[in-house]
Every structure is written in C-alpha cells, then in structure tokens.
C-alpha atoms as a PDB file:
ATOM      1  CA  MET A   1      85.339  79.610  94.562  1.00  0.00           C
ATOM      2  CA  GLU A   2      88.419  78.743  97.119  1.00  0.00           C
ATOM      3  CA  GLY A   3      89.305  82.643  97.299  1.00  0.00           C
ATOM      4  CA  ILE A   4      85.677  83.317  97.676  1.00  0.00           C
ATOM      5  CA  VAL A   5      85.410  81.591 101.026  1.00  0.00           C
ATOM      6  CA  ILE A   6      88.776  83.000 102.394  1.00  0.00           C
ATOM      7  CA  SER A   7      87.733  86.328 101.606  1.00  0.00           C
ATOM      8  CA  PHE A   8      84.388  85.677 103.474  1.00  0.00           C
ATOM      9  CA  ILE A   9      86.156  84.514 106.360  1.00  0.00           C
ATOM     10  CA  ILE A  10      88.752  87.478 106.230  1.00  0.00           C
ATOM     11  CA  ALA A  11      85.655  90.228 105.775  1.00  0.00           C
ATOM     12  CA  ILE A  12      84.080  88.138 108.728  1.00  0.00           C
ATOM     13  CA  LEU A  13      87.129  88.543 110.719  1.00  0.00           C
ATOM     14  CA  MET A  14      87.752  92.488 109.549  1.00  0.00           C
ATOM     15  CA  GLY A  15      84.396  92.926 110.705  1.00  0.00           C
ATOM     16  CA  SER A  16      84.250  91.873 114.048  1.00  0.00           C
ATOM     17  CA  LEU A  17      87.384  93.303 114.619  1.00  0.00           C
ATOM     18  CA  VAL A  18      86.069  96.860 113.594  1.00  0.00           C
ATOM     19  CA  ILE A  19      82.913  96.280 115.933  1.00  0.00           C
ATOM     20  CA  PHE A  20      85.413  95.290 118.650  1.00  0.00           C
ATOM     21  CA  VAL A  21      87.945  97.832 118.204  1.00  0.00           C
ATOM     22  CA  ARG A  22      84.876 100.492 117.644  1.00  0.00           C
ATOM     23  CA  LEU A  23      83.051  99.628 120.958  1.00  0.00           C
ATOM     24  CA  LYS A  24      86.062  99.287 123.236  1.00  0.00           C
ATOM     25  CA  GLY A  25      87.324 102.644 121.853  1.00  0.00           C
ATOM     26  CA  GLN A  26      84.382 104.716 123.399  1.00  0.00           C
ATOM     27  CA  ASN A  27      85.988 104.319 126.479  1.00  0.00           C
ATOM     28  CA  LYS A  28      88.672 106.462 125.526  1.00  0.00           C
ATOM     29  CA  PRO A  29      88.817 109.999 124.587  1.00  0.00           C
ATOM     30  CA  VAL A  30      89.059 110.620 120.932  1.00  0.00           C
ATOM     31  CA  SER A  31      92.199 112.546 119.437  1.00  0.00           C
ATOM     32  CA  THR A  32      92.588 114.001 115.811  1.00  0.00           C
ATOM     33  CA  LYS A  33      95.547 110.796 115.305  1.00  0.00           C
ATOM     34  CA  LYS A  34      92.720 108.729 116.499  1.00  0.00           C
ATOM     35  CA  ILE A  35      90.390 109.890 113.734  1.00  0.00           C
ATOM     36  CA  LEU A  36      92.639 110.371 110.920  1.00  0.00           C
ATOM     37  CA  LEU A  37      95.264 107.681 111.154  1.00  0.00           C
ATOM     38  CA  PRO A  38      93.043 104.784 109.674  1.00  0.00           C
ATOM     39  CA  PRO A  39      92.448 105.628 106.424  1.00  0.00           C
ATOM     40  CA  VAL A  40      96.152 106.810 106.202  1.00  0.00           C
ATOM     41  CA  PHE A  41      97.435 103.195 107.274  1.00  0.00           C
ATOM     42  CA  MET A  42      94.583 101.549 105.244  1.00  0.00           C
ATOM     43  CA  SER A  43      95.833 103.850 102.086  1.00  0.00           C
ATOM     44  CA  THR A  44      98.785 101.530 102.343  1.00  0.00           C
ATOM     45  CA  GLY A  45      97.006  98.679 100.506  1.00  0.00           C
ATOM     46  CA  ALA A  46      96.361 100.517  97.237  1.00  0.00           C
ATOM     47  CA  LEU A  47     100.087  98.968  96.792  1.00  0.00           C
ATOM     48  CA  MET A  48      97.935  96.036  95.691  1.00  0.00           C
ATOM     49  CA  PHE A  49      97.338  97.473  92.526  1.00  0.00           C
ATOM     50  CA  VAL A  50     100.842  97.450  91.396  1.00  0.00           C
ATOM     51  CA  VAL A  51     100.463  93.684  91.176  1.00  0.00           C
ATOM     52  CA  PRO A  52      98.511  93.395  87.322  1.00  0.00           C
ATOM     53  CA  TYR A  53      96.367  90.561  88.977  1.00  0.00           C
ATOM     54  CA  PHE A  54      94.569  93.441  91.186  1.00  0.00           C
ATOM     55  CA  ARG A  55      94.361  96.174  88.467  1.00  0.00           C
ATOM     56  CA  VAL A  56      90.966  97.569  87.855  1.00  0.00           C
ATOM     57  CA  THR A  57      89.350  99.684  85.163  1.00  0.00           C
ATOM     58  CA  PRO A  58      88.953 103.278  85.619  1.00  0.00           C
ATOM     59  CA  ALA A  59      84.846 102.556  85.551  1.00  0.00           C
ATOM     60  CA  GLU A  60      85.359 100.087  87.913  1.00  0.00           C
ATOM     61  CA  VAL A  61      87.542 102.650  90.286  1.00  0.00           C
ATOM     62  CA  LEU A  62      84.697 104.949  90.209  1.00  0.00           C
ATOM     63  CA  GLU A  63      81.898 102.537  91.029  1.00  0.00           C
ATOM     64  CA  ALA A  64      83.399 101.062  94.006  1.00  0.00           C
ATOM     65  CA  PHE A  65      84.823 104.434  95.359  1.00  0.00           C
ATOM     66  CA  VAL A  66      81.212 105.552  94.611  1.00  0.00           C
ATOM     67  CA  VAL A  67      79.361 102.533  96.653  1.00  0.00           C
ATOM     68  CA  GLY A  68      81.768 102.937  99.274  1.00  0.00           C
ATOM     69  CA  MET A  69      80.537 106.966  99.675  1.00  0.00           C
ATOM     70  CA  PHE A  70      77.690 105.462  99.495  1.00  0.00           C
ATOM     71  CA  PHE A  71      77.550 102.910 102.873  1.00  0.00           C
ATOM     72  CA  SER A  72      79.659 105.618 104.528  1.00  0.00           C
ATOM     73  CA  ILE A  73      76.729 107.737 105.020  1.00  0.00           C
ATOM     74  CA  PHE A  74      75.338 105.124 107.414  1.00  0.00           C
ATOM     75  CA  LEU A  75      78.451 105.576 109.403  1.00  0.00           C
ATOM     76  CA  ILE A  76      78.288 108.742 109.263  1.00  0.00           C
ATOM     77  CA  LYS A  77      75.244 108.882 110.772  1.00  0.00           C
ATOM     78  CA  THR A  78      75.764 106.832 113.446  1.00  0.00           C
ATOM     79  CA  SER A  79      79.018 108.420 115.061  1.00  0.00           C
ATOM     80  CA  ARG A  80      78.491 111.408 117.022  1.00  0.00           C
ATOM     81  CA  PHE A  81      80.900 112.940 119.903  1.00  0.00           C
ATOM     82  CA  GLU A  82      80.057 114.049 123.502  1.00  0.00           C
ATOM     83  CA  VAL A  83      82.036 115.768 126.149  1.00  0.00           C
ATOM     84  CA  ARG A  84      82.939 113.849 129.419  1.00  0.00           C
ATOM     85  CA  ASP A  85      85.140 115.248 132.173  1.00  0.00           C
ATOM     86  CA  GLY A  86      86.471 117.618 129.462  1.00  0.00           C
ATOM     87  CA  ASN A  87      87.122 114.874 127.077  1.00  0.00           C
ATOM     88  CA  VAL A  88      85.565 114.262 123.849  1.00  0.00           C
ATOM     89  CA  TYR A  89      84.039 111.003 123.439  1.00  0.00           C
ATOM     90  CA  LEU A  90      82.579 108.686 120.486  1.00  0.00           C
ATOM     91  CA  LYS A  91      79.504 108.405 121.373  1.00  0.00           C
ATOM     92  CA  ARG A  92      77.794 105.158 122.026  1.00  0.00           C
ATOM     93  CA  SER A  93      75.735 104.107 119.327  1.00  0.00           C
ATOM     94  CA  LYS A  94      73.395 101.060 119.690  1.00  0.00           C
ATOM     95  CA  ALA A  95      72.702 100.832 115.960  1.00  0.00           C
ATOM     96  CA  PHE A  96      76.150 101.135 115.009  1.00  0.00           C
ATOM     97  CA  PRO A  97      77.107  97.566 115.472  1.00  0.00           C
ATOM     98  CA  PHE A  98      73.878  96.559 113.360  1.00  0.00           C
ATOM     99  CA  ILE A  99      74.413  98.765 110.590  1.00  0.00           C
ATOM    100  CA  LEU A 100      77.969  97.649 110.267  1.00  0.00           C
ATOM    101  CA  ILE A 101      77.141  93.995 110.267  1.00  0.00           C
ATOM    102  CA  GLY A 102      74.401  94.826 107.617  1.00  0.00           C
ATOM    103  CA  LEU A 103      77.041  96.170 105.373  1.00  0.00           C
ATOM    104  CA  LEU A 104      79.209  93.693 105.865  1.00  0.00           C
ATOM    105  CA  LEU A 105      76.355  91.210 104.479  1.00  0.00           C
ATOM    106  CA  ILE A 106      75.611  93.528 101.524  1.00  0.00           C
ATOM    107  CA  ARG A 107      79.288  93.335 100.621  1.00  0.00           C
ATOM    108  CA  LEU A 108      79.222  89.631 101.209  1.00  0.00           C
ATOM    109  CA  LEU A 109      76.341  89.241  98.976  1.00  0.00           C
ATOM    110  CA  MET A 110      77.933  91.730  96.540  1.00  0.00           C
ATOM    111  CA  LYS A 111      80.922  89.272  96.276  1.00  0.00           C
ATOM    112  CA  VAL A 112      78.820  86.554  95.785  1.00  0.00           C
ATOM    113  CA  VAL A 113      77.204  87.803  92.898  1.00  0.00           C
ATOM    114  CA  LEU A 114      80.208  89.698  91.361  1.00  0.00           C
ATOM    115  CA  SER A 115      82.266  86.656  91.734  1.00  0.00           C
ATOM    116  CA  SER A 116      80.761  84.975  88.854  1.00  0.00           C
ATOM    117  CA  SER A 117      81.201  87.604  86.678  1.00  0.00           C
ATOM    118  CA  ILE A 118      84.660  89.459  87.394  1.00  0.00           C
ATOM    119  CA  GLN A 119      87.817  87.927  88.413  1.00  0.00           C
ATOM    120  CA  ILE A 120      89.197  87.305  92.039  1.00  0.00           C
ATOM    121  CA  GLY A 121      91.979  89.737  91.764  1.00  0.00           C
ATOM    122  CA  GLN A 122      90.130  92.647  90.034  1.00  0.00           C
ATOM    123  CA  LEU A 123      86.896  92.157  92.644  1.00  0.00           C
ATOM    124  CA  SER A 124      89.744  92.286  95.510  1.00  0.00           C
ATOM    125  CA  GLY A 125      90.941  95.317  94.203  1.00  0.00           C
ATOM    126  CA  MET A 126      87.106  96.630  93.689  1.00  0.00           C
ATOM    127  CA  PHE A 127      86.261  96.008  97.424  1.00  0.00           C
ATOM    128  CA  PHE A 128      89.341  97.420  98.637  1.00  0.00           C
ATOM    129  CA  LEU A 129      88.393 100.635  96.504  1.00  0.00           C
ATOM    130  CA  LEU A 130      84.720 100.115  98.299  1.00  0.00           C
ATOM    131  CA  ALA A 131      85.883 100.006 102.432  1.00  0.00           C
ATOM    132  CA  PHE A 132      88.207 102.833 101.112  1.00  0.00           C
ATOM    133  CA  GLY A 133      85.608 104.831  99.695  1.00  0.00           C
ATOM    134  CA  MET A 134      83.644 103.887 103.022  1.00  0.00           C
ATOM    135  CA  ILE A 135      86.042 104.943 105.192  1.00  0.00           C
ATOM    136  CA  LEU A 136      87.605 107.975 104.113  1.00  0.00           C
ATOM    137  CA  PRO A 137      84.380 109.899 104.019  1.00  0.00           C
ATOM    138  CA  TRP A 138      83.721 108.730 107.440  1.00  0.00           C
ATOM    139  CA  ARG A 139      86.781 109.327 109.204  1.00  0.00           C
ATOM    140  CA  VAL A 140      86.678 113.294 107.565  1.00  0.00           C
ATOM    141  CA  ALA A 141      83.158 113.743 108.304  1.00  0.00           C
ATOM    142  CA  MET A 142      84.012 112.577 111.851  1.00  0.00           C
ATOM    143  CA  TYR A 143      87.429 115.095 112.156  1.00  0.00           C
ATOM    144  CA  ILE A 144      85.053 118.203 110.914  1.00  0.00           C
ATOM    145  CA  GLN A 145      82.424 116.993 113.418  1.00  0.00           C
ATOM    146  CA  TYR A 146      85.679 116.648 116.149  1.00  0.00           C
ATOM    147  CA  ARG A 147      86.769 120.043 115.344  1.00  0.00           C
ATOM    148  CA  ARG A 148      83.893 122.092 115.725  1.00  0.00           C
ATOM    149  CA  LEU A 149      83.284 120.187 118.668  1.00  0.00           C
ATOM    150  CA  ILE A 150      86.776 121.007 120.113  1.00  0.00           C
ATOM    151  CA  GLN A 151      86.485 124.744 118.992  1.00  0.00           C
ATOM    152  CA  GLU A 152      83.414 125.119 120.911  1.00  0.00           C
ATOM    153  CA  LEU A 153      84.617 123.774 123.846  1.00  0.00           C
ATOM    154  CA  ASP A 154      87.550 126.830 123.737  1.00  0.00           C
ATOM    155  CA  GLU A 155      85.539 129.103 122.993  1.00  0.00           C
ATOM    156  CA  GLY A 156      83.443 127.846 126.249  1.00  0.00           C
ATOM    157  CA  VAL A 157      86.954 128.169 128.102  1.00  0.00           C
ATOM    158  CA  ARG A 158      87.342 131.775 126.810  1.00  0.00           C
ATOM    159  CA  ALA A 159      84.114 133.175 127.879  1.00  0.00           C
END
C-alpha cells in the first residue's frame, strides 16, 4: 500500500509539473526540438525493464500502450498552434488543464483498482508504458501539425 501512496504523490507532482510547463511554454515559440525531445527523454525510462521487478508480459505491454494511445486523443484534440509575430506558438487551450487532471485522476483510479491484482513493480511498468503510449502519439501529431504550419508559412513567404 505504501508503494501506491508514493506513486500517487509522484503522479500528482508530475501532472502538476506538466500543466505548469505547458502553460508557461505557451509564451515561447515552438520548435521541432521542443516537440520531439520529451518522448526521447522519456524513452530512457524503459531501462526500468532491465530489472525483473518491473517486467511486464507482452499482453500487458499491448494493453498499457493502447490505453495510452486512447488517452492521447484528448491531448491531441486540445493541442493547436498559432502564428504570432512570424513565430509558431502553442495555442492556449482552456480545456487542456482539465483534460490533463481528468486523465491523471483516471490513471490514479486505475492504479488503485489494479494494485489489488497486479504487483506494484509490474503496475509501475504498465503505467510507464501507458504514459509513453500517451505522449508519443501526442507529440508525433503535434510535430505533423507543426510541420504543416511551417510549410504553409514558407509557401506564404515565397508567394
């Protein structure tokens, strides 16, 4: 039970950090690096699976990743770009913090329910995969949208 409480606290802190960073980041221009580096940095967390305590079955990998991809739909829908002063910025979305909090609450509820039937190490691995499955499609969608906007801006300059 102690592991669940600690993971709750960490999840709440990380969720708060993501909201803070996202809201602060809306005041700075977006770049390819700012979009693509977070999933690259997060992918280093996969080293946790070297330790047997965190290993998950192939079915659990698939389940966690698919749920993460489903959750990413909400993030993708609330992430739009706009051009200001010739730069591309992430458009402020009033729904984003609420969606992020909602997803966090759903994850915490899932953790409580699943902790009675899945070991804490496996559960940690599954929730890492869920988070990665959420951030990867979201960032790829953001990158595609960003590239389209940059291409439109380039074509407008040439015209």
